[in-house]
Protein backbone atom coordinates (compact mmCIF):
# COMPACT_ATOMS: atom_id res chain seq x y z
CA MET A 1 -6.41 12.61 -27.70
CA THR A 2 -5.95 13.62 -24.07
CA GLY A 3 -9.55 14.76 -23.64
CA TRP A 4 -10.81 11.27 -22.78
CA LEU A 5 -8.02 10.93 -20.22
CA VAL A 6 -9.00 14.15 -18.46
CA GLU A 7 -12.68 13.21 -18.54
CA GLY A 8 -11.92 9.75 -17.16
CA ALA A 9 -9.92 11.19 -14.28
CA GLY A 10 -12.87 13.37 -13.27
CA THR A 11 -15.14 10.37 -12.68
CA VAL A 12 -13.15 9.00 -9.75
CA GLY A 13 -15.25 9.01 -6.59
CA VAL A 14 -14.34 10.52 -3.25
CA GLY A 15 -12.35 8.16 -1.02
CA THR A 16 -12.71 7.43 2.66
CA TYR A 17 -10.26 9.30 4.84
CA PHE A 18 -9.13 8.62 8.39
CA GLY A 19 -7.73 11.38 10.54
CA TRP A 20 -5.90 11.60 13.85
CA ASP A 21 -5.13 15.12 15.04
CA GLY A 22 -3.14 16.67 12.16
CA PHE A 23 -2.64 13.38 10.27
CA THR A 24 -5.03 12.34 7.50
CA ILE A 25 -4.73 9.28 5.24
CA GLN A 26 -6.96 7.70 2.61
CA SER A 27 -8.18 4.16 3.31
CA GLY A 28 -6.60 2.73 0.14
CA ASN A 29 -3.21 4.17 1.01
CA LEU A 30 -3.53 2.89 4.57
CA ILE A 31 -4.18 -0.63 3.31
CA VAL A 32 -1.14 -0.49 1.00
CA ILE A 33 1.10 0.73 3.83
CA LEU A 34 -0.14 -1.99 6.20
CA VAL A 35 0.46 -4.72 3.59
CA MET A 36 3.98 -3.39 2.98
CA ILE A 37 4.73 -3.46 6.72
CA ILE A 38 3.40 -7.02 7.02
CA LEU A 39 5.53 -8.17 4.06
CA PHE A 40 8.60 -6.49 5.56
CA VAL A 41 8.10 -8.22 8.92
CA LEU A 42 7.56 -11.57 7.18
CA ALA A 43 10.76 -11.06 5.18
CA LEU A 44 12.65 -10.63 8.45
CA ILE A 45 11.06 -13.65 10.14
CA VAL A 46 10.74 -16.27 7.37
CA PRO A 47 14.09 -17.95 6.66
CA PHE A 48 15.55 -18.26 3.18
CA PRO A 49 14.97 -21.65 1.56
CA GLY A 50 18.05 -23.83 1.94
CA GLY A 51 19.75 -21.40 4.29
CA LYS A 52 20.49 -24.07 6.92
CA ARG A 53 22.42 -26.31 4.49
CA ARG A 54 25.36 -23.90 4.23
CA LYS A 55 28.37 -24.31 6.49
């Protein structure tokens, strides 16, 4: 039952890695981190809907 899972995991290709000095990150992980940072900054900047109606 788990044989097909192990065989499927072996077919994953090699990713693209970026490195600066002792720091190395895969391109897919870098994209995810950048999107999370952008969403965090937008959550701080964009106001809540209806937030100005409260007194």
